[in-house]
Amino acid sequence: MAYLFTSESVSEGHPDKVADQISDALLDNFLAFDPESKVACETLVTTGQVVLAGEVKSNTYLDVQTIARDVINKIGYTKGAYKFSGDSCGVISLIHEQSQDINQGVDRANKEEQGAGDQGMMFGYATKETENYMPLALDISHKILIELAALRREDSEIKYLRPDAKSQVTIEYSDDNIPQKIVAIVVSTQHDDFDEDEKMLSKIKKDITEILIPRVKRQLPEYVQKLFNDDIIYHINPTGKFVIGGPHGDTGLTGRKIIVDTYGGKGAHGGGAFSGKDPSKVDRSAAYAARHIAKNLVAAGVADEILVQVSYAIGVVEPTSILVNTYNSSNVNLSDGDIAKKVSEIFNMRPAAIEVRLKLRNPIYSETAAYGHMGRIPEKITKTFESPYNGKIEKEVELFTWEKLDYVDKVKEAFNL
């Protein structure tokens, strides 16, 4: 019997994502001026207020208030009508120094012997159902909101959009796990106030279905475009009015959208959040490394769908376990346990090795903080950082290194593919 699967996404203006973006902007600035910074920054946003908290060990000092305001303005919270704007909100910093008890378990005289920054289990997942090896429902959900933000910034066809938004896509699958059709699409978008609610809702529904969705559809490969059909159930702003939104409508916290950040409910998630954490925190770095492994294994043809789990003990160098689940989709004559053994031989999963392999001690994290950490396009860019205490610097960095298919040949060789 066919089954349905649903994933959701949230926009850069969603309050939890505002918090994530501030936390990662702080992290990037610390790493830009001191690459060895140890950072765990949490952010809370609510009506007219931003609270920064967390632990930092760094040789640099930052104007954290200005960094937070710049992020908020860049997202688009620039008007008093939003009850939250970068120029007028209060910013309170409660950031303090990292516990020496934690630091002594991580830092080593020999960098290669660096211990894990915390215990826990992390997951990486990849599937052949999309070109970027991501679950299809999540991939479409992200694209809907990326395009909605583009429309908002263009200020052309749709002039009433505000930054906060959510999307959701439901897909029907066959018994053999092949996508058959899109069943439902949900889009809730914050908007300017209208004189008449019914007129407003009618216009938003028309614009979403006749302007936004066709733009998204055109970006998708033909086999995905065929999943769109005349019977899709659209829920557009299903509660009706959505004027009050963003941090004024709902308090936002760093790390509350971890499923949106990863695989939309497919595979698994260890529970640890990413944003605001430097790469010594394996919650982040090992999750990226596990995605890197899963994607390269699927791309090499080891299996059509793969979940990788890795676990650590705080302060311990070697992972406590590595697991591979191919969901009975393996294309090699090996058990999942034997595949996991080969993975441990191909990929060095010590925390320091992950940092080097994926170039994680660089200011590359602001770009991850909205629209997913996985399935993105690796690219080299130059970023500029300014500080009243450290001056101005430019850094060339490589984004989303864990999405590179740079181990496919090594995997094929190891598995005789």
Protein backbone atom coordinates (compact mmCIF):
# COMPACT_ATOMS: atom_id res chain seq x y z
CA MET A 1 0.00 0.00 0.00
CA ALA A 2 1.29 3.47 -0.90
CA TYR A 3 2.32 5.76 1.94
CA LEU A 4 2.70 9.49 2.53
CA PHE A 5 5.79 11.31 3.83
CA THR A 6 5.98 14.98 4.86
CA SER A 7 8.80 17.42 5.55
CA GLU A 8 8.75 21.09 6.51
CA SER A 9 11.04 24.09 6.27
CA VAL A 10 11.08 27.55 7.84
CA SER A 11 12.34 30.82 6.40
CA GLU A 12 15.30 32.95 7.47
CA GLY A 13 12.76 35.26 9.14
CA HIS A 14 11.33 32.54 11.38
CA PRO A 15 12.22 33.47 14.99
CA ASP A 16 14.18 30.26 15.65
CA LYS A 17 16.16 30.81 12.45
CA VAL A 18 16.83 34.44 13.40
CA ALA A 19 18.39 33.08 16.58
CA ASP A 20 20.41 30.48 14.65
CA GLN A 21 21.74 33.10 12.24
CA ILE A 22 22.84 35.42 15.05
CA SER A 23 24.62 32.56 16.84
CA ASP A 24 26.45 31.50 13.67
CA ALA A 25 27.38 35.10 12.82
CA LEU A 26 29.00 35.41 16.23
CA LEU A 27 30.83 32.13 15.65
CA ASP A 28 32.07 33.27 12.23
CA ASN A 29 33.43 36.50 13.64
CA PHE A 30 35.25 34.69 16.45
CA LEU A 31 36.79 32.23 13.98
CA ALA A 32 37.69 34.98 11.50
CA PHE A 33 39.85 36.79 14.03
CA ASP A 34 40.95 33.73 16.05
CA PRO A 35 40.57 30.37 14.25
CA GLU A 36 41.23 28.44 17.47
CA SER A 37 38.26 30.00 19.27
CA LYS A 38 36.08 27.65 21.29
CA VAL A 39 32.50 28.90 20.98
CA ALA A 40 29.06 27.79 22.15
CA CYS A 41 26.72 30.75 21.58
CA GLU A 42 22.98 30.66 22.26
CA THR A 43 20.52 33.36 21.21
CA LEU A 44 16.98 34.20 22.32
CA VAL A 45 14.85 36.67 20.36
CA THR A 46 11.47 38.08 21.36
CA THR A 47 9.53 41.34 21.06
CA GLY A 48 12.13 44.11 20.80
CA GLN A 49 14.84 42.06 22.57
CA VAL A 50 17.82 39.85 21.80
CA VAL A 51 19.62 37.90 24.54
CA LEU A 52 23.05 36.43 23.79
CA ALA A 53 24.45 33.76 26.09
CA GLY A 54 27.00 30.96 26.04
CA GLU A 55 30.63 30.11 26.62
CA VAL A 56 33.61 31.38 24.63
CA LYS A 57 37.39 30.88 24.86
CA SER A 58 39.05 33.21 22.36
CA ASN A 59 41.93 35.64 21.92
CA THR A 60 39.67 38.15 20.22
CA TYR A 61 36.99 40.54 21.42
CA LEU A 62 33.87 41.37 19.42
CA ASP A 63 31.16 44.02 19.30
CA VAL A 64 28.47 41.33 19.61
CA GLN A 65 25.63 43.85 19.73
CA THR A 66 26.49 45.27 16.30
CA ILE A 67 26.91 41.78 14.82
CA ALA A 68 23.44 40.78 16.06
CA ARG A 69 21.83 43.97 14.71
CA ASP A 70 23.46 43.52 11.30
CA VAL A 71 22.08 39.98 11.01
CA ILE A 72 18.56 41.10 11.90
CA ASN A 73 18.64 43.94 9.35
CA LYS A 74 20.02 41.64 6.65
CA ILE A 75 17.14 39.20 7.20
CA GLY A 76 14.71 42.05 6.62
CA TYR A 77 13.48 43.13 10.05
CA THR A 78 13.99 46.82 9.41
CA LYS A 79 10.58 48.40 10.10
CA GLY A 80 8.91 49.50 13.32
CA ALA A 81 5.66 47.84 12.15
CA TYR A 82 7.32 44.46 12.64
CA LYS A 83 7.75 45.17 16.42
CA PHE A 84 11.30 43.87 16.00
CA SER A 85 14.06 45.57 14.05
CA GLY A 86 17.83 45.51 14.02
CA ASP A 87 18.16 49.24 14.64
CA SER A 88 15.79 49.50 17.59
CA CYS A 89 15.84 46.18 19.49
CA GLY A 90 17.69 45.78 22.76
CA VAL A 91 20.69 43.44 22.75
CA ILE A 92 21.84 41.91 26.03
CA SER A 93 25.08 39.88 26.15
CA LEU A 94 25.55 37.27 28.86
CA ILE A 95 28.43 35.47 27.12
CA HIS A 96 31.15 34.24 29.49
CA GLU A 97 34.34 32.19 29.36
CA GLN A 98 34.27 28.47 28.58
CA SER A 99 34.57 26.08 31.53
CA GLN A 100 38.14 24.90 32.04
CA ASP A 101 36.73 21.49 33.01
CA ILE A 102 35.40 21.10 29.46
CA ASN A 103 38.42 22.66 27.76
CA GLN A 104 40.93 20.32 29.42
CA GLY A 105 39.16 17.34 27.88
CA VAL A 106 39.32 18.83 24.39
CA ASP A 107 42.67 20.61 23.97
CA ARG A 108 45.85 18.53 23.67
CA ALA A 109 49.50 19.45 23.15
CA ASN A 110 49.31 17.29 20.02
CA LYS A 111 46.45 18.70 17.94
CA GLU A 112 45.73 15.28 16.39
CA GLU A 113 44.93 13.93 19.87
CA GLN A 114 42.13 16.47 20.40
CA GLY A 115 39.25 14.91 22.29
CA ALA A 116 35.58 15.19 21.39
CA GLY A 117 33.94 18.33 22.79
CA ASP A 118 31.00 16.34 24.14
CA GLN A 119 29.48 12.89 24.23
CA GLY A 120 26.60 11.93 21.95
CA MET A 121 25.59 10.30 18.71
CA MET A 122 25.42 11.98 15.32
CA PHE A 123 23.82 10.89 12.06
CA GLY A 124 24.43 11.42 8.37
CA TYR A 125 21.99 10.42 5.63
CA ALA A 126 21.89 10.32 1.86
CA THR A 127 19.45 9.02 -0.75
CA LYS A 128 19.42 8.76 -4.55
CA GLU A 129 15.94 10.27 -4.85
CA THR A 130 17.31 13.78 -5.61
CA GLU A 131 20.34 15.12 -7.46
CA ASN A 132 21.77 16.50 -4.20
CA TYR A 133 21.15 13.19 -2.38
CA MET A 134 18.57 14.76 -0.05
CA PRO A 135 15.02 13.68 0.83
CA LEU A 136 12.69 15.10 -1.83
CA ALA A 137 9.99 16.56 0.42
CA LEU A 138 12.55 18.58 2.39
CA ASP A 139 14.37 19.71 -0.75
CA ILE A 140 11.15 21.12 -2.24
CA SER A 141 10.16 22.70 1.10
CA HIS A 142 13.49 24.56 1.26
CA LYS A 143 13.22 25.70 -2.37
CA ILE A 144 9.73 27.12 -1.78
CA LEU A 145 11.00 29.40 0.99
CA ILE A 146 14.23 30.35 -0.77
CA GLU A 147 12.15 31.51 -3.74
CA LEU A 148 9.64 33.25 -1.47
CA ALA A 149 12.49 35.25 0.09
CA ALA A 150 13.77 36.10 -3.39
CA LEU A 151 10.33 37.42 -4.32
CA ARG A 152 10.24 39.50 -1.12
CA ARG A 153 13.60 41.08 -1.89
CA GLU A 154 12.76 41.70 -5.54
CA ASP A 155 9.79 43.79 -4.39
CA SER A 156 8.19 43.32 -7.79
CA GLU A 157 5.37 40.81 -8.27
CA ILE A 158 4.51 40.37 -4.59
CA LYS A 159 4.94 43.55 -2.56
CA TYR A 160 3.34 42.66 0.80
CA LEU A 161 5.64 39.89 2.05
CA ARG A 162 7.28 40.01 5.48
CA PRO A 163 10.25 37.85 6.56
CA ASP A 164 8.57 35.07 8.59
CA ALA A 165 7.32 31.99 6.69
CA LYS A 166 6.92 28.21 6.83
CA SER A 167 6.40 25.53 4.19
CA GLN A 168 5.47 21.86 4.17
CA VAL A 169 5.34 19.24 1.40
CA THR A 170 3.62 15.85 1.47
CA ILE A 171 4.59 13.23 -1.12
CA GLU A 172 2.96 9.90 -1.92
CA TYR A 173 5.38 6.98 -2.30
CA SER A 174 4.89 3.54 -3.82
CA ASP A 175 5.58 0.37 -1.85
CA ASP A 176 9.08 0.27 -3.34
CA ASN A 177 9.77 3.81 -2.06
CA ILE A 178 9.45 5.65 -5.38
CA PRO A 179 7.84 9.15 -5.26
CA GLN A 180 4.50 9.08 -7.13
CA LYS A 181 3.02 12.54 -6.70
CA ILE A 182 2.84 15.58 -4.46
CA VAL A 183 -0.32 15.35 -2.38
CA ALA A 184 -0.26 18.60 -0.36
CA ILE A 185 1.71 21.84 -0.05
CA VAL A 186 1.42 24.18 2.91
CA VAL A 187 2.74 27.75 2.80
CA SER A 188 2.24 30.21 5.64
CA THR A 189 3.76 33.61 4.99
CA GLN A 190 3.79 36.75 7.09
CA HIS A 191 2.38 39.76 5.24
CA ASP A 192 1.54 43.43 5.54
CA ASP A 193 -1.87 44.35 6.93
CA PHE A 194 -4.75 44.54 4.45
CA ASP A 195 -7.99 46.54 4.68
CA GLU A 196 -10.09 43.43 3.98
CA ASP A 197 -9.07 40.00 5.32
CA GLU A 198 -10.96 37.99 2.68
CA LYS A 199 -9.47 40.00 -0.16
CA MET A 200 -6.03 39.58 1.41
CA LEU A 201 -6.32 35.82 1.75
CA SER A 202 -7.59 35.42 -1.80
CA LYS A 203 -4.71 37.44 -3.24
CA ILE A 204 -2.06 35.57 -1.20
CA LYS A 205 -3.44 32.18 -2.32
CA LYS A 206 -3.46 33.32 -5.95
CA ASP A 207 0.09 34.72 -5.78
CA ILE A 208 1.52 31.63 -4.06
CA THR A 209 -0.07 29.13 -6.46
CA GLU A 210 0.31 31.16 -9.67
CA ILE A 211 3.62 32.98 -9.10
CA LEU A 212 5.67 31.24 -6.40
CA ILE A 213 4.99 27.57 -7.14
CA PRO A 214 5.61 27.86 -10.93
CA ARG A 215 8.95 29.58 -10.19
CA VAL A 216 9.92 26.76 -7.85
CA LYS A 217 8.77 24.10 -10.31
CA ARG A 218 10.93 25.56 -13.10
CA GLN A 219 14.04 25.04 -10.95
CA LEU A 220 13.38 21.33 -10.50
CA PRO A 221 14.45 18.46 -12.78
CA GLU A 222 11.81 17.05 -15.12
CA TYR A 223 11.18 13.90 -13.08
CA VAL A 224 10.29 16.08 -10.06
CA GLN A 225 8.18 18.49 -12.11
CA LYS A 226 6.01 15.51 -13.10
CA LEU A 227 5.08 15.00 -9.43
CA PHE A 228 3.18 18.31 -9.47
CA ASN A 229 -0.44 17.79 -10.46
CA ASP A 230 -3.85 19.45 -10.57
CA ASP A 231 -5.03 17.56 -7.48
CA ILE A 232 -2.47 19.02 -5.04
CA ILE A 233 -4.19 20.31 -1.91
CA TYR A 234 -2.86 23.79 -1.12
CA HIS A 235 -3.10 25.17 2.40
CA ILE A 236 -2.06 28.82 2.03
CA ASN A 237 -2.05 30.77 5.32
CA PRO A 238 -4.62 28.28 6.67
CA THR A 239 -5.26 30.30 9.84
CA GLY A 240 -6.10 33.35 7.73
CA LYS A 241 -4.35 36.56 8.81
CA PHE A 242 -0.57 36.39 9.47
CA VAL A 243 0.51 39.98 10.12
CA ILE A 244 2.04 39.44 13.57
CA GLY A 245 5.08 37.21 13.10
CA GLY A 246 8.80 36.92 13.61
CA PRO A 247 10.19 37.37 17.13
CA HIS A 248 7.19 39.58 18.02
CA GLY A 249 4.78 36.74 17.26
CA ASP A 250 6.82 33.92 18.75
CA THR A 251 10.00 33.76 20.82
CA GLY A 252 12.93 32.24 18.94
CA LEU A 253 15.77 30.12 20.30
CA THR A 254 18.97 28.72 18.81
CA GLY A 255 18.76 25.02 17.97
CA ARG A 256 15.00 24.49 17.84
CA LYS A 257 14.84 23.55 14.16
CA ILE A 258 17.26 20.62 14.03
CA ILE A 259 15.09 18.46 11.76
CA VAL A 260 14.69 21.33 9.28
CA ASP A 261 18.48 21.73 9.50
CA THR A 262 19.15 18.11 8.54
CA TYR A 263 16.90 15.60 6.74
CA GLY A 264 13.31 16.62 7.35
CA GLY A 265 12.50 13.53 9.41
CA LYS A 266 14.17 11.01 7.11
CA GLY A 267 17.08 9.00 8.47
CA ALA A 268 17.68 10.04 12.07
CA HIS A 269 18.97 12.87 14.27
CA GLY A 270 21.11 12.55 17.38
CA GLY A 271 19.45 15.53 19.05
CA GLY A 272 22.32 18.00 19.16
CA ALA A 273 21.90 21.38 17.49
CA PHE A 274 24.50 22.95 15.20
CA SER A 275 24.35 26.74 15.17
CA GLY A 276 26.66 28.70 17.44
CA LYS A 277 29.03 25.76 18.01
CA ASP A 278 32.65 25.67 16.88
CA PRO A 279 33.85 22.41 15.21
CA SER A 280 35.36 20.95 18.39
CA LYS A 281 31.72 20.26 19.25
CA VAL A 282 31.13 16.92 17.52
CA ASP A 283 27.39 17.62 17.59
CA ARG A 284 28.19 19.73 14.57
CA SER A 285 31.44 18.52 13.02
CA ALA A 286 30.71 14.78 13.24
CA ALA A 287 27.19 15.29 11.84
CA TYR A 288 28.78 17.02 8.85
CA ALA A 289 31.35 14.22 8.55
CA ALA A 290 28.61 11.58 8.70
CA ARG A 291 26.71 13.34 5.90
CA HIS A 292 29.95 13.49 3.88
CA ILE A 293 30.38 9.73 4.32
CA ALA A 294 26.77 8.86 3.48
CA LYS A 295 26.71 11.07 0.38
CA ASN A 296 29.98 9.71 -1.01
CA LEU A 297 28.91 6.11 -0.37
CA VAL A 298 25.61 6.58 -2.20
CA ALA A 299 27.26 8.50 -5.05
CA ALA A 300 29.84 5.71 -5.40
CA GLY A 301 27.04 3.14 -5.70
CA VAL A 302 27.52 1.28 -2.42
CA ALA A 303 23.78 1.61 -1.74
CA ASP A 304 20.79 3.66 -2.88
CA GLU A 305 20.06 4.96 0.63
CA ILE A 306 22.41 5.11 3.62
CA LEU A 307 22.31 6.21 7.24
CA VAL A 308 25.59 6.62 9.12
CA GLN A 309 25.75 6.88 12.91
CA VAL A 310 28.88 7.86 14.82
CA SER A 311 29.20 8.34 18.59
CA TYR A 312 31.74 9.89 20.95
CA ALA A 313 32.67 10.23 24.61
CA ILE A 314 33.70 13.69 25.83
CA GLY A 315 37.46 14.15 25.81
CA VAL A 316 38.07 10.84 23.99
CA VAL A 317 39.81 10.88 20.61
CA GLU A 318 38.39 7.83 18.82
CA PRO A 319 34.66 7.46 18.22
CA THR A 320 32.95 4.89 20.41
CA SER A 321 31.03 3.45 17.46
CA ILE A 322 30.35 3.74 13.72
CA LEU A 323 27.18 2.20 12.27
CA VAL A 324 25.93 1.97 8.69
CA ASN A 325 22.32 1.17 7.72
CA THR A 326 21.65 0.65 4.01
CA TYR A 327 17.91 -0.02 4.42
CA ASN A 328 18.32 -3.23 2.36
CA SER A 329 19.38 -1.11 -0.62
CA SER A 330 23.01 -2.28 -0.69
CA ASN A 331 24.64 -2.89 -4.06
CA VAL A 332 27.68 -4.72 -2.61
CA ASN A 333 27.96 -8.24 -1.25
CA LEU A 334 28.74 -7.11 2.28
CA SER A 335 26.76 -6.80 5.50
CA ASP A 336 26.07 -3.34 6.89
CA GLY A 337 28.55 -4.16 9.67
CA ASP A 338 31.28 -4.95 7.13
CA ILE A 339 30.49 -1.70 5.27
CA ALA A 340 30.89 0.19 8.56
CA LYS A 341 34.33 -1.39 9.09
CA LYS A 342 35.45 -0.23 5.67
CA VAL A 343 34.08 3.25 6.38
CA SER A 344 36.24 3.48 9.51
CA GLU A 345 39.28 2.60 7.38
CA ILE A 346 38.52 5.15 4.66
CA PHE A 347 37.43 8.10 6.83
CA ASN A 348 39.42 9.27 9.86
CA MET A 349 36.70 10.21 12.35
CA ARG A 350 38.92 11.74 15.04
CA PRO A 351 37.63 15.26 15.81
CA ALA A 352 40.86 16.99 14.71
CA ALA A 353 40.96 14.99 11.46
CA ILE A 354 37.37 15.98 10.68
CA GLU A 355 38.22 19.66 11.24
CA VAL A 356 41.13 19.44 8.79
CA ARG A 357 39.38 17.28 6.17
CA LEU A 358 36.32 19.51 5.99
CA LYS A 359 38.18 22.81 6.64
CA LEU A 360 35.92 23.59 9.59
CA ARG A 361 38.15 26.09 11.46
CA ASN A 362 37.03 28.80 9.06
CA PRO A 363 34.18 31.36 9.20
CA ILE A 364 31.80 29.29 7.06
CA TYR A 365 28.76 28.93 9.29
CA SER A 366 26.45 31.90 8.69
CA GLU A 367 25.50 30.40 5.34
CA THR A 368 24.37 27.18 7.03
CA ALA A 369 21.95 28.82 9.46
CA ALA A 370 18.91 28.99 7.15
CA TYR A 371 17.48 26.58 4.55
CA GLY A 372 19.38 23.53 5.77
CA HIS A 373 22.94 22.53 6.56
CA MET A 374 22.84 19.59 4.12
CA GLY A 375 22.22 19.34 0.41
CA ARG A 376 23.80 22.72 -0.31
CA ILE A 377 26.28 23.58 -3.09
CA PRO A 378 30.00 23.71 -2.15
CA GLU A 379 31.64 26.94 -3.29
CA LYS A 380 34.58 29.21 -2.56
CA ILE A 381 33.81 32.80 -1.62
CA THR A 382 35.59 35.76 -0.05
CA LYS A 383 34.10 37.08 3.18
CA THR A 384 34.87 40.41 4.86
CA PHE A 385 34.85 40.92 8.63
CA GLU A 386 35.16 44.26 10.43
CA SER A 387 35.66 44.93 14.10
CA PRO A 388 36.39 48.10 16.10
CA TYR A 389 38.89 46.02 18.07
CA ASN A 390 40.50 43.95 15.30
CA GLY A 391 40.20 46.03 12.14
CA LYS A 392 39.09 44.67 8.78
CA ILE A 393 40.09 41.35 7.22
CA GLU A 394 39.14 39.37 4.13
CA LYS A 395 39.15 35.59 4.05
CA GLU A 396 38.64 33.18 1.19
CA VAL A 397 36.67 30.23 2.52
CA GLU A 398 35.07 27.09 1.13
CA LEU A 399 31.41 26.58 2.04
CA PHE A 400 29.64 23.24 2.55
CA THR A 401 32.75 21.08 2.17
CA TRP A 402 30.83 18.10 3.56
CA GLU A 403 28.75 18.14 0.37
CA LYS A 404 31.75 17.50 -1.87
CA LEU A 405 31.96 14.16 -3.68
CA ASP A 406 35.73 14.04 -3.23
CA TYR A 407 35.87 10.54 -1.74
CA VAL A 408 33.89 8.72 -4.43
CA ASP A 409 37.00 7.28 -6.11
CA LYS A 410 38.43 6.11 -2.77
CA VAL A 411 35.12 4.48 -1.87
CA LYS A 412 34.88 2.74 -5.25
CA GLU A 413 38.40 1.42 -4.87
CA ALA A 414 37.75 0.15 -1.34
CA PHE A 415 34.53 -1.60 -2.41
CA ASN A 416 35.80 -2.78 -5.81
CA LEU A 417 33.12 -0.82 -7.66
